C-alpha atoms as a PDB file:
ATOM      1  CA  MET A   1      11.278  15.362 -15.987  1.00  0.00           C
ATOM      2  CA  SER A   2       8.594  17.908 -15.672  1.00  0.00           C
ATOM      3  CA  ASP A   3       7.887  18.251 -19.361  1.00  0.00           C
ATOM      4  CA  HIS A   4       4.618  17.198 -20.797  1.00  0.00           C
ATOM      5  CA  LEU A   5       4.734  13.559 -21.932  1.00  0.00           C
ATOM      6  CA  LYS A   6       3.487  13.109 -25.427  1.00  0.00           C
ATOM      7  CA  HIS A   7       1.759  10.030 -26.541  1.00  0.00           C
ATOM      8  CA  GLU A   8       3.336   9.516 -29.835  1.00  0.00           C
ATOM      9  CA  CYS A   9       4.236   5.957 -30.049  1.00  0.00           C
ATOM     10  CA  GLY A  10       6.078   3.794 -32.585  1.00  0.00           C
ATOM     11  CA  ILE A  11       5.957   0.067 -32.515  1.00  0.00           C
ATOM     12  CA  ALA A  12       8.408  -2.460 -33.888  1.00  0.00           C
ATOM     13  CA  MET A  13       7.835  -6.264 -33.819  1.00  0.00           C
ATOM     14  CA  VAL A  14      10.028  -9.187 -34.650  1.00  0.00           C
ATOM     15  CA  ARG A  15       8.551 -12.642 -34.553  1.00  0.00           C
ATOM     16  CA  LEU A  16      10.934 -15.498 -35.053  1.00  0.00           C
ATOM     17  CA  LEU A  17       9.079 -18.165 -36.988  1.00  0.00           C
ATOM     18  CA  LYS A  18      11.909 -20.668 -37.183  1.00  0.00           C
ATOM     19  CA  PRO A  19      13.653 -22.384 -34.369  1.00  0.00           C
ATOM     20  CA  LEU A  20      16.728 -20.738 -32.888  1.00  0.00           C
ATOM     21  CA  GLU A  21      18.944 -23.459 -34.555  1.00  0.00           C
ATOM     22  CA  TYR A  22      18.176 -21.923 -37.895  1.00  0.00           C
ATOM     23  CA  TYR A  23      19.361 -18.481 -36.872  1.00  0.00           C
ATOM     24  CA  GLN A  24      22.463 -19.871 -35.166  1.00  0.00           C
ATOM     25  CA  LYS A  25      23.347 -21.780 -38.355  1.00  0.00           C
ATOM     26  CA  LYS A  26      22.435 -18.988 -40.899  1.00  0.00           C
ATOM     27  CA  TYR A  27      23.566 -15.844 -39.056  1.00  0.00           C
ATOM     28  CA  GLY A  28      26.047 -17.342 -36.612  1.00  0.00           C
ATOM     29  CA  THR A  29      24.119 -16.208 -33.502  1.00  0.00           C
ATOM     30  CA  SER A  30      20.931 -17.181 -31.648  1.00  0.00           C
ATOM     31  CA  PHE A  31      20.514 -13.434 -30.711  1.00  0.00           C
ATOM     32  CA  TYR A  32      19.405 -12.537 -34.259  1.00  0.00           C
ATOM     33  CA  GLY A  33      15.934 -11.273 -32.956  1.00  0.00           C
ATOM     34  CA  ILE A  34      17.600  -8.912 -30.412  1.00  0.00           C
ATOM     35  CA  GLN A  35      19.927  -7.510 -33.114  1.00  0.00           C
ATOM     36  CA  LYS A  36      17.006  -7.004 -35.501  1.00  0.00           C
ATOM     37  CA  MET A  37      14.987  -5.255 -32.829  1.00  0.00           C
ATOM     38  CA  TYR A  38      17.921  -2.872 -32.168  1.00  0.00           C
ATOM     39  CA  LEU A  39      17.947  -1.890 -35.779  1.00  0.00           C
ATOM     40  CA  LEU A  40      14.110  -1.377 -35.967  1.00  0.00           C
ATOM     41  CA  LEU A  41      14.208   0.796 -32.820  1.00  0.00           C
ATOM     42  CA  GLU A  42      17.109   2.889 -34.118  1.00  0.00           C
ATOM     43  CA  LYS A  43      15.100   3.535 -37.306  1.00  0.00           C
ATOM     44  CA  GLN A  44      12.195   4.952 -35.179  1.00  0.00           C
ATOM     45  CA  HIS A  45      14.594   7.049 -33.090  1.00  0.00           C
ATOM     46  CA  ASN A  46      14.227  10.849 -33.052  1.00  0.00           C
ATOM     47  CA  ARG A  47      10.469  10.900 -33.614  1.00  0.00           C
ATOM     48  CA  GLY A  48       9.598  12.788 -30.396  1.00  0.00           C
ATOM     49  CA  GLN A  49       9.508   9.870 -28.045  1.00  0.00           C
ATOM     50  CA  ASP A  50      10.507  10.501 -24.463  1.00  0.00           C
ATOM     51  CA  GLY A  51      11.413   6.888 -23.803  1.00  0.00           C
ATOM     52  CA  ALA A  52      11.582   3.400 -25.199  1.00  0.00           C
ATOM     53  CA  GLY A  53      10.752  -0.095 -24.208  1.00  0.00           C
ATOM     54  CA  PHE A  54      11.523  -3.719 -25.157  1.00  0.00           C
ATOM     55  CA  ALA A  55       9.372  -6.815 -24.384  1.00  0.00           C
ATOM     56  CA  SER A  56      10.072 -10.354 -25.287  1.00  0.00           C
ATOM     57  CA  ILE A  57       7.483 -13.141 -25.102  1.00  0.00           C
ATOM     58  CA  LYS A  58       8.256 -16.852 -25.110  1.00  0.00           C
ATOM     59  CA  MET A  59       5.807 -19.108 -26.915  1.00  0.00           C
ATOM     60  CA  ASP A  60       4.752 -22.663 -25.832  1.00  0.00           C
ATOM     61  CA  VAL A  61       6.150 -22.444 -22.273  1.00  0.00           C
ATOM     62  CA  LYS A  62       5.207 -24.737 -19.395  1.00  0.00           C
ATOM     63  CA  PRO A  63       2.485 -23.382 -17.029  1.00  0.00           C
ATOM     64  CA  GLY A  64       4.105 -21.409 -14.222  1.00  0.00           C
ATOM     65  CA  THR A  65       7.125 -20.545 -16.219  1.00  0.00           C
ATOM     66  CA  ARG A  66       8.066 -16.894 -16.848  1.00  0.00           C
ATOM     67  CA  TYR A  67       7.160 -16.124 -20.420  1.00  0.00           C
ATOM     68  CA  ILE A  68       7.380 -12.375 -20.706  1.00  0.00           C
ATOM     69  CA  SER A  69      10.023 -10.016 -19.797  1.00  0.00           C
ATOM     70  CA  ARG A  70      10.402  -6.280 -20.445  1.00  0.00           C
ATOM     71  CA  VAL A  71      12.927  -3.372 -20.133  1.00  0.00           C
ATOM     72  CA  ARG A  72      11.968   0.289 -20.250  1.00  0.00           C
ATOM     73  CA  SER A  73      13.888   3.531 -20.096  1.00  0.00           C
ATOM     74  CA  ASN A  74      13.228   7.237 -20.225  1.00  0.00           C
ATOM     75  CA  LYS A  75      16.823   8.359 -20.098  1.00  0.00           C
ATOM     76  CA  THR A  76      18.455  10.634 -22.566  1.00  0.00           C
ATOM     77  CA  GLN A  77      19.484   7.798 -24.773  1.00  0.00           C
ATOM     78  CA  PRO A  78      16.799   5.251 -24.029  1.00  0.00           C
ATOM     79  CA  ILE A  79      17.522   2.771 -26.782  1.00  0.00           C
ATOM     80  CA  GLN A  80      21.151   2.477 -25.857  1.00  0.00           C
ATOM     81  CA  ASP A  81      20.148   2.194 -22.135  1.00  0.00           C
ATOM     82  CA  ILE A  82      17.744  -0.615 -22.911  1.00  0.00           C
ATOM     83  CA  PHE A  83      20.171  -2.642 -24.922  1.00  0.00           C
ATOM     84  CA  LYS A  84      22.899  -2.008 -22.358  1.00  0.00           C
ATOM     85  CA  GLN A  85      20.602  -3.469 -19.733  1.00  0.00           C
ATOM     86  CA  ILE A  86      19.770  -6.535 -21.973  1.00  0.00           C
ATOM     87  CA  ASN A  87      23.452  -7.104 -22.907  1.00  0.00           C
ATOM     88  CA  ASN A  88      24.571  -6.846 -19.210  1.00  0.00           C
ATOM     89  CA  ARG A  89      21.986  -9.427 -18.249  1.00  0.00           C
ATOM     90  CA  ILE A  90      22.951 -11.803 -21.064  1.00  0.00           C
ATOM     91  CA  ASN A  91      26.664 -11.382 -20.371  1.00  0.00           C
ATOM     92  CA  GLY A  92      26.126 -11.948 -16.727  1.00  0.00           C
ATOM     93  CA  LEU A  93      24.274 -15.182 -17.250  1.00  0.00           C
ATOM     94  CA  ILE A  94      26.912 -16.388 -19.759  1.00  0.00           C
ATOM     95  CA  GLN A  95      29.708 -15.651 -17.198  1.00  0.00           C
ATOM     96  CA  GLU A  96      27.812 -17.634 -14.558  1.00  0.00           C
ATOM     97  CA  ASN A  97      27.161 -20.524 -17.050  1.00  0.00           C
ATOM     98  CA  PRO A  98      29.941 -20.401 -19.777  1.00  0.00           C
ATOM     99  CA  ASP A  99      29.219 -23.993 -20.846  1.00  0.00           C
ATOM    100  CA  LYS A 100      25.631 -23.047 -21.712  1.00  0.00           C
ATOM    101  CA  LYS A 101      26.577 -20.233 -24.196  1.00  0.00           C
ATOM    102  CA  ASN A 102      25.704 -22.250 -27.249  1.00  0.00           C
ATOM    103  CA  ASP A 103      22.917 -24.345 -25.639  1.00  0.00           C
ATOM    104  CA  LEU A 104      19.794 -23.081 -27.452  1.00  0.00           C
ATOM    105  CA  ASP A 105      17.421 -24.913 -25.092  1.00  0.00           C
ATOM    106  CA  TRP A 106      18.823 -23.078 -22.094  1.00  0.00           C
END
């Protein structure tokens, strides 16, 4: 990737103001925030960006607990690559702990 990197950025933000139980009941999934972020990033697609990133921040966590995670990509299809990584991680965790799939506190 020897092309000049441009600093043209777009930012999308989703803040879930209600507990995950609300989204599970209303939309049938606790992954509502991830789905919304995918749609927002797709709307910003094709605006000259060379890559994309996704960060999630947990609020009100115990000290010493991981509260931020991020995924970045500069591949040809960065949005698809990011959500492929996210979905692979979620699916892997669900396969390891199938009984926790609907446990919102987990």
